[in-house]
Amino acid sequence: MSYTDKQGREWNELDESTLPGDAAQAYAKYREINRQAAAAREAFEKIMRAAMGTDAVQFGYKFGKLSFTTDVEPRKAKAPAKAKLSLADWLEQQARSS
């Protein structure tokens, strides 16, 4: 499945089970490190919320700078999952469009 963002770029979601072996291994390693980073971020934010005495705080980390806001809006419901595209299907689409 693909979608177009606000800048007009088309994004396609790959089915990770279709990745070649070395790419699949590298992606699995990336995902594990990302899970570890998310757990560390959650632990940090829990400590900070306790220190600040409020759960109504959101943290930002852009450009390596720590920032926060207490002007927190409720989170929107998660969008339903979209169909994924296999790497082979995407390559075939590219070959047809060339």
N, C-alpha and C. Protein backbone atom coordinates (compact mmCIF):
# COMPACT_ATOMS: atom_id res chain seq x y z
N MET A 1 0.85 -1.17 0.00
CA MET A 1 0.00 0.00 0.00
C MET A 1 0.89 1.23 0.00
N SER A 2 0.47 2.25 -0.67
CA SER A 2 1.25 3.48 -0.69
C SER A 2 0.36 4.66 -0.31
N TYR A 3 1.01 5.75 0.07
CA TYR A 3 0.29 6.98 0.33
C TYR A 3 1.19 8.14 -0.05
N THR A 4 0.58 9.28 -0.25
CA THR A 4 1.31 10.48 -0.62
C THR A 4 1.29 11.44 0.55
N ASP A 5 2.46 11.97 0.91
CA ASP A 5 2.54 12.90 2.04
C ASP A 5 2.25 14.33 1.59
N LYS A 6 2.33 15.25 2.52
CA LYS A 6 2.00 16.66 2.24
C LYS A 6 2.93 17.29 1.22
N GLN A 7 4.15 16.75 1.08
CA GLN A 7 5.10 17.28 0.10
C GLN A 7 4.94 16.61 -1.26
N GLY A 8 3.97 15.71 -1.41
CA GLY A 8 3.72 15.05 -2.68
C GLY A 8 4.58 13.83 -2.93
N ARG A 9 5.31 13.37 -1.91
CA ARG A 9 6.16 12.18 -2.07
C ARG A 9 5.33 10.93 -1.85
N GLU A 10 5.56 9.91 -2.68
CA GLU A 10 4.85 8.64 -2.52
C GLU A 10 5.66 7.72 -1.61
N TRP A 11 5.00 7.18 -0.59
CA TRP A 11 5.63 6.27 0.36
C TRP A 11 4.99 4.90 0.21
N ASN A 12 5.81 3.85 0.17
CA ASN A 12 5.35 2.48 0.06
C ASN A 12 5.83 1.69 1.27
N GLU A 13 4.95 0.88 1.85
CA GLU A 13 5.34 0.07 3.00
C GLU A 13 5.79 -1.30 2.50
N LEU A 14 7.02 -1.66 2.82
CA LEU A 14 7.58 -2.94 2.41
C LEU A 14 7.20 -4.04 3.40
N ASP A 15 6.93 -5.23 2.87
CA ASP A 15 6.74 -6.42 3.69
C ASP A 15 8.14 -6.91 4.05
N GLU A 16 8.52 -6.75 5.31
CA GLU A 16 9.90 -7.06 5.71
C GLU A 16 10.25 -8.53 5.55
N SER A 17 9.27 -9.40 5.48
CA SER A 17 9.56 -10.82 5.28
C SER A 17 10.07 -11.10 3.87
N THR A 18 9.99 -10.12 2.97
CA THR A 18 10.47 -10.30 1.60
C THR A 18 11.87 -9.74 1.38
N LEU A 19 12.51 -9.23 2.43
CA LEU A 19 13.85 -8.68 2.29
C LEU A 19 14.87 -9.79 2.11
N PRO A 20 15.94 -9.54 1.32
CA PRO A 20 17.00 -10.54 1.21
C PRO A 20 17.69 -10.73 2.55
N GLY A 21 18.36 -11.87 2.74
CA GLY A 21 18.94 -12.26 4.02
C GLY A 21 19.74 -11.20 4.74
N ASP A 22 20.72 -10.57 4.06
CA ASP A 22 21.57 -9.60 4.75
C ASP A 22 20.78 -8.34 5.12
N ALA A 23 19.86 -7.94 4.26
CA ALA A 23 19.03 -6.78 4.57
C ALA A 23 18.08 -7.10 5.73
N ALA A 24 17.53 -8.31 5.74
CA ALA A 24 16.64 -8.73 6.82
C ALA A 24 17.37 -8.75 8.15
N GLN A 25 18.61 -9.24 8.16
CA GLN A 25 19.40 -9.27 9.39
C GLN A 25 19.72 -7.86 9.88
N ALA A 26 20.11 -6.99 8.97
CA ALA A 26 20.42 -5.60 9.34
C ALA A 26 19.18 -4.90 9.87
N TYR A 27 18.03 -5.15 9.24
CA TYR A 27 16.79 -4.52 9.69
C TYR A 27 16.38 -5.04 11.07
N ALA A 28 16.55 -6.35 11.30
CA ALA A 28 16.23 -6.93 12.61
C ALA A 28 17.12 -6.31 13.70
N LYS A 29 18.40 -6.11 13.39
CA LYS A 29 19.32 -5.48 14.34
C LYS A 29 18.88 -4.04 14.63
N TYR A 30 18.53 -3.30 13.57
CA TYR A 30 18.03 -1.93 13.73
C TYR A 30 16.78 -1.91 14.62
N ARG A 31 15.84 -2.82 14.38
CA ARG A 31 14.60 -2.86 15.16
C ARG A 31 14.89 -3.14 16.63
N GLU A 32 15.83 -4.05 16.92
CA GLU A 32 16.17 -4.36 18.31
C GLU A 32 16.79 -3.15 19.01
N ILE A 33 17.69 -2.48 18.33
CA ILE A 33 18.31 -1.28 18.91
C ILE A 33 17.26 -0.19 19.12
N ASN A 34 16.33 -0.08 18.19
CA ASN A 34 15.25 0.90 18.31
C ASN A 34 14.36 0.59 19.52
N ARG A 35 14.07 -0.71 19.75
CA ARG A 35 13.29 -1.10 20.94
C ARG A 35 14.03 -0.72 22.23
N GLN A 36 15.34 -0.95 22.25
CA GLN A 36 16.15 -0.60 23.42
C GLN A 36 16.12 0.92 23.66
N ALA A 37 16.24 1.68 22.57
CA ALA A 37 16.20 3.15 22.69
C ALA A 37 14.84 3.61 23.20
N ALA A 38 13.77 2.99 22.71
CA ALA A 38 12.42 3.36 23.16
C ALA A 38 12.24 3.06 24.65
N ALA A 39 12.77 1.93 25.10
CA ALA A 39 12.67 1.59 26.52
C ALA A 39 13.45 2.58 27.38
N ALA A 40 14.64 2.96 26.92
CA ALA A 40 15.45 3.94 27.66
C ALA A 40 14.74 5.29 27.70
N ARG A 41 14.13 5.70 26.57
CA ARG A 41 13.39 6.97 26.51
C ARG A 41 12.21 6.94 27.48
N GLU A 42 11.47 5.82 27.50
CA GLU A 42 10.32 5.71 28.40
C GLU A 42 10.75 5.77 29.86
N ALA A 43 11.86 5.13 30.19
CA ALA A 43 12.37 5.17 31.57
C ALA A 43 12.76 6.59 31.96
N PHE A 44 13.47 7.28 31.06
CA PHE A 44 13.86 8.67 31.30
C PHE A 44 12.63 9.55 31.52
N GLU A 45 11.63 9.41 30.62
CA GLU A 45 10.45 10.26 30.71
C GLU A 45 9.65 9.97 31.99
N LYS A 46 9.62 8.72 32.42
CA LYS A 46 8.92 8.39 33.67
C LYS A 46 9.59 9.08 34.86
N ILE A 47 10.92 9.03 34.88
CA ILE A 47 11.67 9.70 35.96
C ILE A 47 11.43 11.21 35.92
N MET A 48 11.46 11.79 34.73
CA MET A 48 11.26 13.24 34.60
C MET A 48 9.84 13.65 35.00
N ARG A 49 8.84 12.87 34.61
CA ARG A 49 7.46 13.20 35.00
C ARG A 49 7.31 13.17 36.52
N ALA A 50 7.94 12.21 37.15
CA ALA A 50 7.90 12.14 38.62
C ALA A 50 8.61 13.34 39.22
N ALA A 51 9.76 13.71 38.67
CA ALA A 51 10.52 14.85 39.18
C ALA A 51 9.76 16.16 38.98
N MET A 52 9.00 16.25 37.86
CA MET A 52 8.25 17.47 37.56
C MET A 52 6.88 17.48 38.23
N GLY A 53 6.45 16.32 38.75
CA GLY A 53 5.18 16.24 39.47
C GLY A 53 3.95 16.31 38.57
N THR A 54 4.10 15.90 37.30
CA THR A 54 2.96 15.92 36.39
C THR A 54 3.14 14.90 35.28
N ASP A 55 2.00 14.34 34.86
CA ASP A 55 2.01 13.46 33.69
C ASP A 55 1.68 14.25 32.42
N ALA A 56 1.26 15.50 32.59
CA ALA A 56 0.87 16.34 31.45
C ALA A 56 2.10 17.05 30.88
N VAL A 57 3.04 16.26 30.42
CA VAL A 57 4.25 16.81 29.83
C VAL A 57 4.65 15.92 28.65
N GLN A 58 5.13 16.55 27.60
CA GLN A 58 5.60 15.81 26.43
C GLN A 58 7.02 16.28 26.13
N PHE A 59 7.88 15.33 25.81
CA PHE A 59 9.28 15.64 25.55
C PHE A 59 9.57 15.60 24.06
N GLY A 60 10.53 16.42 23.65
CA GLY A 60 10.99 16.45 22.27
C GLY A 60 12.49 16.29 22.24
N TYR A 61 12.98 15.69 21.17
CA TYR A 61 14.40 15.37 21.08
C TYR A 61 15.02 15.79 19.74
N LYS A 62 14.36 16.64 19.00
CA LYS A 62 14.84 17.02 17.66
C LYS A 62 16.18 17.73 17.72
N PHE A 63 17.00 17.41 16.74
CA PHE A 63 18.32 18.04 16.56
C PHE A 63 19.22 17.86 17.78
N GLY A 64 18.99 16.77 18.54
CA GLY A 64 19.85 16.48 19.69
C GLY A 64 19.61 17.38 20.89
N LYS A 65 18.52 18.14 20.87
CA LYS A 65 18.22 19.05 21.99
C LYS A 65 17.01 18.53 22.74
N LEU A 66 17.11 18.52 24.06
CA LEU A 66 16.01 18.08 24.90
C LEU A 66 15.08 19.26 25.16
N SER A 67 13.81 19.07 24.85
CA SER A 67 12.82 20.11 25.11
C SER A 67 11.56 19.44 25.66
N PHE A 68 10.64 20.26 26.18
CA PHE A 68 9.39 19.71 26.69
C PHE A 68 8.30 20.76 26.59
N THR A 69 7.06 20.28 26.65
CA THR A 69 5.90 21.16 26.70
C THR A 69 4.90 20.58 27.69
N THR A 70 4.16 21.46 28.32
CA THR A 70 3.07 21.02 29.19
C THR A 70 1.73 21.30 28.51
N ASP A 71 1.79 21.80 27.27
CA ASP A 71 0.59 22.04 26.47
C ASP A 71 0.32 20.78 25.66
N VAL A 72 -0.17 19.75 26.36
CA VAL A 72 -0.29 18.42 25.76
C VAL A 72 -1.73 18.18 25.32
N GLU A 73 -1.89 17.80 24.05
CA GLU A 73 -3.21 17.45 23.51
C GLU A 73 -3.39 15.93 23.61
N PRO A 74 -4.63 15.49 23.77
CA PRO A 74 -4.86 14.03 23.79
C PRO A 74 -4.42 13.40 22.47
N ARG A 75 -3.89 12.20 22.55
CA ARG A 75 -3.42 11.51 21.34
C ARG A 75 -4.61 11.07 20.49
N LYS A 76 -4.41 11.14 19.17
CA LYS A 76 -5.44 10.68 18.24
C LYS A 76 -5.41 9.16 18.16
N ALA A 77 -6.54 8.58 17.80
CA ALA A 77 -6.61 7.12 17.64
C ALA A 77 -5.70 6.70 16.49
N LYS A 78 -5.12 5.54 16.63
CA LYS A 78 -4.21 5.03 15.62
C LYS A 78 -4.99 4.64 14.37
N ALA A 79 -4.45 5.00 13.21
CA ALA A 79 -5.08 4.67 11.93
C ALA A 79 -5.00 3.17 11.69
N PRO A 80 -5.97 2.62 10.96
CA PRO A 80 -5.91 1.19 10.67
C PRO A 80 -4.69 0.84 9.82
N ALA A 81 -4.19 -0.38 9.98
CA ALA A 81 -3.01 -0.82 9.25
C ALA A 81 -3.29 -0.88 7.76
N LYS A 82 -2.29 -0.51 6.97
CA LYS A 82 -2.40 -0.55 5.51
C LYS A 82 -1.68 -1.78 4.99
N ALA A 83 -2.07 -2.21 3.81
CA ALA A 83 -1.43 -3.38 3.19
C ALA A 83 0.03 -3.08 2.90
N LYS A 84 0.88 -4.11 3.02
CA LYS A 84 2.30 -3.95 2.77
C LYS A 84 2.63 -4.41 1.36
N LEU A 85 3.72 -3.90 0.83
CA LEU A 85 4.19 -4.21 -0.50
C LEU A 85 5.47 -5.03 -0.38
N SER A 86 5.56 -6.15 -1.11
CA SER A 86 6.79 -6.93 -1.06
C SER A 86 7.86 -6.22 -1.88
N LEU A 87 9.10 -6.47 -1.55
CA LEU A 87 10.20 -5.88 -2.30
C LEU A 87 10.14 -6.32 -3.76
N ALA A 88 9.83 -7.60 -4.00
CA ALA A 88 9.74 -8.11 -5.37
C ALA A 88 8.64 -7.39 -6.15
N ASP A 89 7.49 -7.15 -5.52
CA ASP A 89 6.40 -6.44 -6.20
C ASP A 89 6.82 -5.01 -6.54
N TRP A 90 7.51 -4.35 -5.63
CA TRP A 90 7.95 -2.98 -5.90
C TRP A 90 8.95 -2.95 -7.05
N LEU A 91 9.90 -3.89 -7.04
CA LEU A 91 10.88 -3.97 -8.13
C LEU A 91 10.19 -4.23 -9.46
N GLU A 92 9.17 -5.08 -9.45
CA GLU A 92 8.42 -5.36 -10.67
C GLU A 92 7.70 -4.11 -11.18
N GLN A 93 7.09 -3.35 -10.25
CA GLN A 93 6.43 -2.11 -10.63
C GLN A 93 7.41 -1.13 -11.25
N GLN A 94 8.62 -1.06 -10.69
CA GLN A 94 9.64 -0.15 -11.21
C GLN A 94 10.07 -0.57 -12.61
N ALA A 95 10.20 -1.87 -12.82
CA ALA A 95 10.61 -2.38 -14.13
C ALA A 95 9.55 -2.07 -15.19
N ARG A 96 8.27 -2.19 -14.82
CA ARG A 96 7.18 -1.90 -15.75
C ARG A 96 7.10 -0.42 -16.10
N SER A 97 7.43 0.45 -15.13
CA SER A 97 7.31 1.89 -15.36
C SER A 97 8.53 2.48 -16.06
N SER A 98 9.57 1.70 -16.25
CA SER A 98 10.79 2.21 -16.90
C SER A 98 10.68 2.17 -18.40
